[in-house]
Amino acid sequence: MRLSSIKLENFRNYESLFLDFHDKLNVFIGQNAQGKTNLLESIYCLATTKSHRTTRDKEMIRMSHDESLISGRVQNRFSEIPISLLLSKQGKRAKINHVEMAKLSQYVGALNCVLFAPEDLEIVKGAPEIRRNFIDVECGQISKVYLQSLSDYKRVLKQKNQYLKETTVDKMMVEIFNEQLVETALEIINKREAFVDALNNYANKIHRDISNNKEELKVEYRPNIKCLELDKENRRAYLKKEYASVIDNEIERRQCMIGPHRDDLKFYINDMDVQTYGSQGQQRSTALSLKLAELDVISNEIGEYPILLLDDVLSELDEHRQAHLLTSIRNRVQTFVTTTSISDINHQIMDEMNLYTIEDGTVKN
């Protein structure tokens, strides 16, 4: 999969911009606060409909404007198609091949991408919410069913939590909410389990290479409702039982207390909890292994590699880890890199690339 070109209108500090891209390596170089990450953010947003920096879409719209348009041409294994995403105060509108999608879930997956940024260390050592978001973004790109199930789950969960805060709560009404939650929760748990199993297999192989066969990495899915030991036929009944068992407690506490919105991941190196006891180097290696594994997981699911976005991450990696990253992606994955210095990049992979210099929202090739 390749992103052939991108066009921006009123996105962040870009009033208007059009760029053609190299099918292997594209490097955006410039000092801080010039627009490098804004450009990478636009690519990520075009792929996922979301920013990796903010949850407020209006922050991506250029000041004093009402809407922003991101459009591009995607070359997949079948054809080249135009895609676009309009951001406005009224919401988002997405098109594939000039046809507007009724739901964003129908659009996501037209362009698959993996982002690696310094803040991705928080996947390993940060809050559970960060790890859930990590799973959701990647599962959503490769499964429209997952994306719809997650959307439905969040909607019902919000309705249930709002109802539990009412002055009078009818237990039967809570049971109705639970019936809806069980179905979507089951789909989410099953998809997350499959994704983490695949991620674990690839990440362990990659981590072995990074550590010169000294370390074994294990990625473990920790669902809030512990049902993985059951076969999938029996999980629905178990989820129903678990939701029913906490109804009285939920009514008393006025909030939903169990479900996939409380799931987590754990990482182990040689059976040691990386989050609690791992060194900074081990945490970096774990994050790097996860990101490289994502490329393989997505490729295995959709039949081609996603694009890779590296946001100012090379300077965060030592020479050994950087060399492993760049060697792994060379000639396999179209890559977009932001950096303040070309010296951050291993020169062996710079034989085929486009270099863009960015200063105050102006891009020169």
Foldseek 3Di string as FASTA:
>chain_A
DAWQKKWKDQFQLANTDIDGWFRAEAEEAADPPQCQVSVVQLVVCQQQVQGPPDRDLVNGGHPPDFKMKMKTWDQDPPGIWIKMWMQGPVGIWIDINNHTDPDVLVVHQPADEFEDEPCLLCCQQNDQQVVLVVLLSLLSNLDSLLVVLVVQLVVLQVVLLVQLPDPDHDLVVNLVSLVSNLVSLLVNVVSSVVLQVLLQVQLQVLLCVLVVNPKGKGKDKFFQQPDPVDPSVCSSVSSSVVQVVCSVVCSVVSHRDHTRSPIGMFMDIVNHTCNPDNDPLVSVSSSLSSRLSSQVSSCVRPVAGGAYEYEQCLVVDDPSSLVSNCVSRQPRHHYYYYHNDPVSHDVVRVPGGHYWYGGNNDIDD
